[in-house]
All heavy atoms as atom14 arrays in JSON, in Angstrom:
{
  "sequence": "AASGSSFRLNAMGWYRQAPGKERALVAIITSGGSID",
  "atom14_mask": [
    [1, 1, 1, 1, 1, 0, 0, 0, 0, 0, 0, 0, 0, 0],
    [1, 1, 1, 1, 1, 0, 0, 0, 0, 0, 0, 0, 0, 0],
    [1, 1, 1, 1, 1, 1, 0, 0, 0, 0, 0, 0, 0, 0],
    [1, 1, 1, 1, 0, 0, 0, 0, 0, 0, 0, 0, 0, 0],
    [1, 1, 1, 1, 1, 1, 0, 0, 0, 0, 0, 0, 0, 0],
    [1, 1, 1, 1, 1, 1, 0, 0, 0, 0, 0, 0, 0, 0],
    [1, 1, 1, 1, 1, 1, 1, 1, 1, 1, 1, 0, 0, 0],
    [1, 1, 1, 1, 1, 1, 1, 1, 1, 1, 1, 0, 0, 0],
    [1, 1, 1, 1, 1, 1, 1, 1, 0, 0, 0, 0, 0, 0],
    [1, 1, 1, 1, 1, 1, 1, 1, 0, 0, 0, 0, 0, 0],
    [1, 1, 1, 1, 1, 0, 0, 0, 0, 0, 0, 0, 0, 0],
    [1, 1, 1, 1, 1, 1, 1, 1, 0, 0, 0, 0, 0, 0],
    [1, 1, 1, 1, 0, 0, 0, 0, 0, 0, 0, 0, 0, 0],
    [1, 1, 1, 1, 1, 1, 1, 1, 1, 1, 1, 1, 1, 1],
    [1, 1, 1, 1, 1, 1, 1, 1, 1, 1, 1, 1, 0, 0],
    [1, 1, 1, 1, 1, 1, 1, 1, 1, 1, 1, 0, 0, 0],
    [1, 1, 1, 1, 1, 1, 1, 1, 1, 0, 0, 0, 0, 0],
    [1, 1, 1, 1, 1, 0, 0, 0, 0, 0, 0, 0, 0, 0],
    [1, 1, 1, 1, 1, 1, 1, 0, 0, 0, 0, 0, 0, 0],
    [1, 1, 1, 1, 0, 0, 0, 0, 0, 0, 0, 0, 0, 0],
    [1, 1, 1, 1, 1, 1, 1, 1, 1, 0, 0, 0, 0, 0],
    [1, 1, 1, 1, 1, 1, 1, 1, 1, 0, 0, 0, 0, 0],
    [1, 1, 1, 1, 1, 1, 1, 1, 1, 1, 1, 0, 0, 0],
    [1, 1, 1, 1, 1, 0, 0, 0, 0, 0, 0, 0, 0, 0],
    [1, 1, 1, 1, 1, 1, 1, 1, 0, 0, 0, 0, 0, 0],
    [1, 1, 1, 1, 1, 1, 1, 0, 0, 0, 0, 0, 0, 0],
    [1, 1, 1, 1, 1, 0, 0, 0, 0, 0, 0, 0, 0, 0],
    [1, 1, 1, 1, 1, 1, 1, 1, 0, 0, 0, 0, 0, 0],
    [1, 1, 1, 1, 1, 1, 1, 1, 0, 0, 0, 0, 0, 0],
    [1, 1, 1, 1, 1, 1, 1, 0, 0, 0, 0, 0, 0, 0],
    [1, 1, 1, 1, 1, 1, 0, 0, 0, 0, 0, 0, 0, 0],
    [1, 1, 1, 1, 0, 0, 0, 0, 0, 0, 0, 0, 0, 0],
    [1, 1, 1, 1, 0, 0, 0, 0, 0, 0, 0, 0, 0, 0],
    [1, 1, 1, 1, 1, 1, 0, 0, 0, 0, 0, 0, 0, 0],
    [1, 1, 1, 1, 1, 1, 1, 1, 0, 0, 0, 0, 0, 0],
    [1, 1, 1, 1, 1, 1, 1, 1, 0, 0, 0, 0, 0, 0]
  ],
  "atom14_positions": [
    [[-10.07, -2.45, 2.25], [-10.95, -1.35, 2.61], [-10.43, -0.66, 3.87], [-10.13, -1.31, 4.87], [-12.37, -1.84, 2.83], [0.0, 0.0, 0.0], [0.0, 0.0, 0.0], [0.0, 0.0, 0.0], [0.0, 0.0, 0.0], [0.0, 0.0, 0.0], [0.0, 0.0, 0.0], [0.0, 0.0, 0.0], [0.0, 0.0, 0.0], [0.0, 0.0, 0.0]],
    [[-10.33, 0.66, 3.81], [-9.9, 1.46, 4.95], [-11.11, 2.06, 5.65], [-12.02, 2.57, 4.99], [-8.96, 2.58, 4.5], [0.0, 0.0, 0.0], [0.0, 0.0, 0.0], [0.0, 0.0, 0.0], [0.0, 0.0, 0.0], [0.0, 0.0, 0.0], [0.0, 0.0, 0.0], [0.0, 0.0, 0.0], [0.0, 0.0, 0.0], [0.0, 0.0, 0.0]],
    [[-11.11, 1.99, 6.96], [-12.19, 2.55, 7.75], [-11.62, 3.33, 8.92], [-10.43, 3.3, 9.19], [-13.15, 1.46, 8.24], [-12.47, 0.54, 9.08], [0.0, 0.0, 0.0], [0.0, 0.0, 0.0], [0.0, 0.0, 0.0], [0.0, 0.0, 0.0], [0.0, 0.0, 0.0], [0.0, 0.0, 0.0], [0.0, 0.0, 0.0], [0.0, 0.0, 0.0]],
    [[-12.49, 4.02, 9.65], [-12.06, 4.87, 10.73], [-11.77, 6.27, 10.23], [-12.46, 6.78, 9.36], [0.0, 0.0, 0.0], [0.0, 0.0, 0.0], [0.0, 0.0, 0.0], [0.0, 0.0, 0.0], [0.0, 0.0, 0.0], [0.0, 0.0, 0.0], [0.0, 0.0, 0.0], [0.0, 0.0, 0.0], [0.0, 0.0, 0.0], [0.0, 0.0, 0.0]],
    [[-10.73, 6.89, 10.78], [-10.32, 8.23, 10.37], [-9.48, 8.14, 9.12], [-8.26, 8.37, 9.12], [-9.56, 8.92, 11.51], [-10.35, 9.03, 12.67], [0.0, 0.0, 0.0], [0.0, 0.0, 0.0], [0.0, 0.0, 0.0], [0.0, 0.0, 0.0], [0.0, 0.0, 0.0], [0.0, 0.0, 0.0], [0.0, 0.0, 0.0], [0.0, 0.0, 0.0]],
    [[-10.12, 7.81, 8.02], [-9.41, 7.45, 6.8], [-9.24, 8.61, 5.82], [-9.02, 8.38, 4.63], [-10.12, 6.29, 6.11], [-11.48, 6.59, 5.88], [0.0, 0.0, 0.0], [0.0, 0.0, 0.0], [0.0, 0.0, 0.0], [0.0, 0.0, 0.0], [0.0, 0.0, 0.0], [0.0, 0.0, 0.0], [0.0, 0.0, 0.0], [0.0, 0.0, 0.0]],
    [[-9.32, 9.83, 6.29], [-9.07, 10.97, 5.43], [-7.58, 11.16, 5.21], [-6.75, 10.71, 6.0], [-9.69, 12.24, 6.03], [-9.12, 12.63, 7.37], [-8.08, 13.55, 7.44], [-9.61, 12.09, 8.53], [-7.55, 13.92, 8.67], [-9.09, 12.45, 9.76], [-8.06, 13.37, 9.83], [0.0, 0.0, 0.0], [0.0, 0.0, 0.0], [0.0, 0.0, 0.0]],
    [[-7.23, 11.82, 4.11], [-5.85, 12.15, 3.76], [-4.95, 10.92, 3.67], [-3.79, 10.93, 4.1], [-5.26, 13.17, 4.75], [-6.05, 14.47, 4.84], [-5.36, 15.5, 5.69], [-4.16, 16.01, 5.05], [-3.38, 16.96, 5.58], [-3.7, 17.51, 6.74], [-2.3, 17.36, 4.92], [0.0, 0.0, 0.0], [0.0, 0.0, 0.0], [0.0, 0.0, 0.0]],
    [[-5.49, 9.85, 3.1], [-4.67, 8.68, 2.8], [-3.96, 8.94, 1.48], [-4.49, 8.67, 0.4], [-5.53, 7.42, 2.72], [-6.17, 6.98, 4.03], [-7.02, 5.74, 3.82], [-5.11, 6.72, 5.09], [0.0, 0.0, 0.0], [0.0, 0.0, 0.0], [0.0, 0.0, 0.0], [0.0, 0.0, 0.0], [0.0, 0.0, 0.0], [0.0, 0.0, 0.0]],
    [[-2.75, 9.47, 1.57], [-2.03, 9.91, 0.38], [-1.6, 8.75, -0.5], [-1.59, 8.86, -1.73], [-0.81, 10.74, 0.77], [-0.11, 11.34, -0.43], [-0.73, 12.08, -1.22], [1.17, 11.03, -0.59], [0.0, 0.0, 0.0], [0.0, 0.0, 0.0], [0.0, 0.0, 0.0], [0.0, 0.0, 0.0], [0.0, 0.0, 0.0], [0.0, 0.0, 0.0]],
    [[-1.24, 7.63, 0.11], [-0.78, 6.48, -0.64], [-1.34, 5.2, -0.03], [-1.42, 5.07, 1.19], [0.73, 6.42, -0.69], [0.0, 0.0, 0.0], [0.0, 0.0, 0.0], [0.0, 0.0, 0.0], [0.0, 0.0, 0.0], [0.0, 0.0, 0.0], [0.0, 0.0, 0.0], [0.0, 0.0, 0.0], [0.0, 0.0, 0.0], [0.0, 0.0, 0.0]],
    [[-1.71, 4.27, -0.89], [-2.11, 2.94, -0.47], [-1.4, 1.94, -1.36], [-1.1, 2.24, -2.51], [-3.62, 2.75, -0.55], [-4.42, 3.69, 0.33], [-6.2, 3.37, 0.3], [-6.27, 1.8, 1.19], [0.0, 0.0, 0.0], [0.0, 0.0, 0.0], [0.0, 0.0, 0.0], [0.0, 0.0, 0.0], [0.0, 0.0, 0.0], [0.0, 0.0, 0.0]],
    [[-1.14, 0.78, -0.82], [-0.43, -0.2, -1.61], [-0.47, -1.59, -1.02], [-1.16, -1.85, -0.04], [0.0, 0.0, 0.0], [0.0, 0.0, 0.0], [0.0, 0.0, 0.0], [0.0, 0.0, 0.0], [0.0, 0.0, 0.0], [0.0, 0.0, 0.0], [0.0, 0.0, 0.0], [0.0, 0.0, 0.0], [0.0, 0.0, 0.0], [0.0, 0.0, 0.0]],
    [[0.29, -2.45, -1.68], [0.36, -3.85, -1.3], [1.8, -4.29, -1.12], [2.67, -3.95, -1.94], [-0.3, -4.74, -2.36], [-1.77, -4.55, -2.46], [-2.44, -3.7, -3.29], [-2.77, -5.23, -1.69], [-3.79, -3.8, -3.09], [-4.02, -4.73, -2.11], [-2.73, -6.19, -0.7], [-5.22, -5.18, -1.56], [-3.92, -6.64, -0.15], [-5.14, -6.13, -0.59]],
    [[2.05, -5.01, -0.05], [3.32, -5.68, 0.21], [3.05, -7.17, 0.32], [1.91, -7.59, 0.5], [3.96, -5.17, 1.49], [4.53, -3.77, 1.41], [3.71, -2.66, 1.28], [5.91, -3.56, 1.48], [4.22, -1.39, 1.21], [6.44, -2.29, 1.42], [5.59, -1.2, 1.29], [6.11, 0.07, 1.22], [0.0, 0.0, 0.0], [0.0, 0.0, 0.0]],
    [[4.11, -7.96, 0.22], [3.96, -9.39, 0.42], [5.17, -9.95, 1.14], [6.27, -9.41, 1.05], [3.74, -10.13, -0.9], [4.91, -10.09, -1.87], [4.5, -10.72, -3.2], [5.59, -10.71, -4.17], [5.47, -11.1, -5.43], [4.3, -11.54, -5.88], [6.52, -11.06, -6.24], [0.0, 0.0, 0.0], [0.0, 0.0, 0.0], [0.0, 0.0, 0.0]],
    [[4.95, -11.05, 1.84], [6.01, -11.71, 2.58], [5.87, -13.21, 2.43], [4.87, -13.79, 2.85], [5.99, -11.31, 4.05], [7.17, -11.84, 4.85], [7.25, -11.23, 6.23], [6.27, -10.73, 6.76], [8.43, -11.27, 6.82], [0.0, 0.0, 0.0], [0.0, 0.0, 0.0], [0.0, 0.0, 0.0], [0.0, 0.0, 0.0], [0.0, 0.0, 0.0]],
    [[6.87, -13.83, 1.84], [6.93, -15.28, 1.71], [7.72, -15.85, 2.88], [8.52, -15.14, 3.5], [7.58, -15.66, 0.39], [0.0, 0.0, 0.0], [0.0, 0.0, 0.0], [0.0, 0.0, 0.0], [0.0, 0.0, 0.0], [0.0, 0.0, 0.0], [0.0, 0.0, 0.0], [0.0, 0.0, 0.0], [0.0, 0.0, 0.0], [0.0, 0.0, 0.0]],
    [[7.53, -17.13, 3.2], [8.28, -17.73, 4.31], [9.78, -17.58, 4.13], [10.32, -17.87, 3.06], [7.86, -19.2, 4.25], [6.5, -19.17, 3.63], [6.56, -18.07, 2.62], [0.0, 0.0, 0.0], [0.0, 0.0, 0.0], [0.0, 0.0, 0.0], [0.0, 0.0, 0.0], [0.0, 0.0, 0.0], [0.0, 0.0, 0.0], [0.0, 0.0, 0.0]],
    [[10.45, -17.11, 5.17], [11.88, -16.94, 5.14], [12.37, -15.71, 4.42], [13.59, -15.52, 4.29], [0.0, 0.0, 0.0], [0.0, 0.0, 0.0], [0.0, 0.0, 0.0], [0.0, 0.0, 0.0], [0.0, 0.0, 0.0], [0.0, 0.0, 0.0], [0.0, 0.0, 0.0], [0.0, 0.0, 0.0], [0.0, 0.0, 0.0], [0.0, 0.0, 0.0]],
    [[11.48, -14.86, 3.96], [11.86, -13.66, 3.24], [11.32, -12.42, 3.93], [10.4, -12.48, 4.74], [11.35, -13.71, 1.79], [11.94, -14.84, 0.96], [11.44, -14.77, -0.47], [12.05, -15.87, -1.32], [11.56, -15.81, -2.72], [0.0, 0.0, 0.0], [0.0, 0.0, 0.0], [0.0, 0.0, 0.0], [0.0, 0.0, 0.0], [0.0, 0.0, 0.0]],
    [[11.91, -11.27, 3.6], [11.45, -10.01, 4.14], [10.2, -9.54, 3.43], [9.95, -9.89, 2.28], [12.54, -8.94, 4.01], [13.8, -9.23, 4.81], [14.82, -8.11, 4.69], [14.6, -7.19, 3.88], [15.83, -8.16, 5.41], [0.0, 0.0, 0.0], [0.0, 0.0, 0.0], [0.0, 0.0, 0.0], [0.0, 0.0, 0.0], [0.0, 0.0, 0.0]],
    [[9.42, -8.74, 4.13], [8.26, -8.13, 3.51], [8.73, -7.15, 2.44], [9.61, -6.32, 2.68], [7.41, -7.42, 4.57], [6.09, -6.89, 4.05], [5.25, -6.29, 5.16], [4.94, -7.26, 6.21], [4.13, -7.02, 7.24], [3.54, -5.86, 7.36], [3.93, -7.97, 8.15], [0.0, 0.0, 0.0], [0.0, 0.0, 0.0], [0.0, 0.0, 0.0]],
    [[8.14, -7.24, 1.26], [8.59, -6.46, 0.12], [7.42, -5.78, -0.57], [6.31, -6.3, -0.61], [9.34, -7.35, -0.87], [0.0, 0.0, 0.0], [0.0, 0.0, 0.0], [0.0, 0.0, 0.0], [0.0, 0.0, 0.0], [0.0, 0.0, 0.0], [0.0, 0.0, 0.0], [0.0, 0.0, 0.0], [0.0, 0.0, 0.0], [0.0, 0.0, 0.0]],
    [[7.71, -4.63, -1.14], [6.7, -3.88, -1.87], [6.28, -4.62, -3.13], [7.11, -5.14, -3.87], [7.25, -2.5, -2.24], [6.36, -1.63, -3.12], [5.12, -1.17, -2.35], [7.13, -0.43, -3.66], [0.0, 0.0, 0.0], [0.0, 0.0, 0.0], [0.0, 0.0, 0.0], [0.0, 0.0, 0.0], [0.0, 0.0, 0.0], [0.0, 0.0, 0.0]],
    [[4.98, -4.62, -3.4], [4.43, -5.16, -4.64], [3.98, -4.03, -5.55], [4.37, -3.95, -6.71], [3.26, -6.12, -4.37], [2.67, -6.62, -5.69], [3.72, -7.29, -3.51], [0.0, 0.0, 0.0], [0.0, 0.0, 0.0], [0.0, 0.0, 0.0], [0.0, 0.0, 0.0], [0.0, 0.0, 0.0], [0.0, 0.0, 0.0], [0.0, 0.0, 0.0]],
    [[3.14, -3.14, -5.03], [2.61, -2.04, -5.82], [2.08, -0.96, -4.89], [1.61, -1.24, -3.79], [1.5, -2.51, -6.76], [0.0, 0.0, 0.0], [0.0, 0.0, 0.0], [0.0, 0.0, 0.0], [0.0, 0.0, 0.0], [0.0, 0.0, 0.0], [0.0, 0.0, 0.0], [0.0, 0.0, 0.0], [0.0, 0.0, 0.0], [0.0, 0.0, 0.0]],
    [[2.16, 0.29, -5.35], [1.61, 1.41, -4.6], [0.87, 2.33, -5.56], [1.17, 2.4, -6.75], [2.69, 2.21, -3.84], [3.76, 2.73, -4.81], [3.3, 1.38, -2.73], [4.75, 3.68, -4.17], [0.0, 0.0, 0.0], [0.0, 0.0, 0.0], [0.0, 0.0, 0.0], [0.0, 0.0, 0.0], [0.0, 0.0, 0.0], [0.0, 0.0, 0.0]],
    [[-0.09, 3.06, -5.01], [-0.84, 4.04, -5.79], [-1.16, 5.22, -4.88], [-1.56, 5.05, -3.73], [-2.12, 3.42, -6.39], [-2.85, 4.44, -7.27], [-3.03, 2.87, -5.3], [-3.97, 3.81, -8.1], [0.0, 0.0, 0.0], [0.0, 0.0, 0.0], [0.0, 0.0, 0.0], [0.0, 0.0, 0.0], [0.0, 0.0, 0.0], [0.0, 0.0, 0.0]],
    [[-0.96, 6.44, -5.39], [-1.25, 7.64, -4.62], [-2.68, 8.09, -4.89], [-3.36, 7.59, -5.79], [-0.29, 8.77, -4.98], [-0.55, 9.23, -6.31], [1.16, 8.31, -4.88], [0.0, 0.0, 0.0], [0.0, 0.0, 0.0], [0.0, 0.0, 0.0], [0.0, 0.0, 0.0], [0.0, 0.0, 0.0], [0.0, 0.0, 0.0], [0.0, 0.0, 0.0]],
    [[-3.12, 9.04, -4.09], [-4.47, 9.58, -4.28], [-4.62, 10.25, -5.63], [-5.73, 10.35, -6.15], [-4.81, 10.56, -3.16], [-3.89, 11.64, -3.13], [0.0, 0.0, 0.0], [0.0, 0.0, 0.0], [0.0, 0.0, 0.0], [0.0, 0.0, 0.0], [0.0, 0.0, 0.0], [0.0, 0.0, 0.0], [0.0, 0.0, 0.0], [0.0, 0.0, 0.0]],
    [[-3.51, 10.73, -6.21], [-3.53, 11.35, -7.51], [-3.4, 10.38, -8.67], [-3.44, 10.81, -9.83], [0.0, 0.0, 0.0], [0.0, 0.0, 0.0], [0.0, 0.0, 0.0], [0.0, 0.0, 0.0], [0.0, 0.0, 0.0], [0.0, 0.0, 0.0], [0.0, 0.0, 0.0], [0.0, 0.0, 0.0], [0.0, 0.0, 0.0], [0.0, 0.0, 0.0]],
    [[-3.21, 9.1, -8.37], [-3.17, 8.1, -9.42], [-1.79, 7.66, -9.87], [-1.68, 6.86, -10.81], [0.0, 0.0, 0.0], [0.0, 0.0, 0.0], [0.0, 0.0, 0.0], [0.0, 0.0, 0.0], [0.0, 0.0, 0.0], [0.0, 0.0, 0.0], [0.0, 0.0, 0.0], [0.0, 0.0, 0.0], [0.0, 0.0, 0.0], [0.0, 0.0, 0.0]],
    [[-0.73, 8.15, -9.23], [0.62, 7.7, -9.57], [0.83, 6.27, -9.08], [0.48, 5.94, -7.95], [1.65, 8.63, -8.94], [2.96, 8.21, -9.25], [0.0, 0.0, 0.0], [0.0, 0.0, 0.0], [0.0, 0.0, 0.0], [0.0, 0.0, 0.0], [0.0, 0.0, 0.0], [0.0, 0.0, 0.0], [0.0, 0.0, 0.0], [0.0, 0.0, 0.0]],
    [[1.4, 5.42, -9.94], [1.51, 3.99, -9.66], [2.94, 3.51, -9.86], [3.62, 3.92, -10.8], [0.56, 3.19, -10.58], [-0.9, 3.53, -10.26], [0.81, 1.7, -10.45], [-1.88, 2.95, -11.24], [0.0, 0.0, 0.0], [0.0, 0.0, 0.0], [0.0, 0.0, 0.0], [0.0, 0.0, 0.0], [0.0, 0.0, 0.0], [0.0, 0.0, 0.0]],
    [[3.37, 2.62, -8.99], [4.65, 1.93, -9.14], [4.47, 0.46, -8.81], [3.7, 0.11, -7.92], [5.72, 2.54, -8.23], [6.26, 3.85, -8.76], [6.82, 3.84, -9.87], [6.14, 4.87, -8.06], [0.0, 0.0, 0.0], [0.0, 0.0, 0.0], [0.0, 0.0, 0.0], [0.0, 0.0, 0.0], [0.0, 0.0, 0.0], [0.0, 0.0, 0.0]]
  ]
}
């Protein structure tokens, strides 16, 4: 959940980081519904 001045959030997504590894993209979604 986003709070505060949360207008114009064009993209939101999820990253993950396992021990000993770099933080990596899991999934993203734009305000228009585009998903990767």
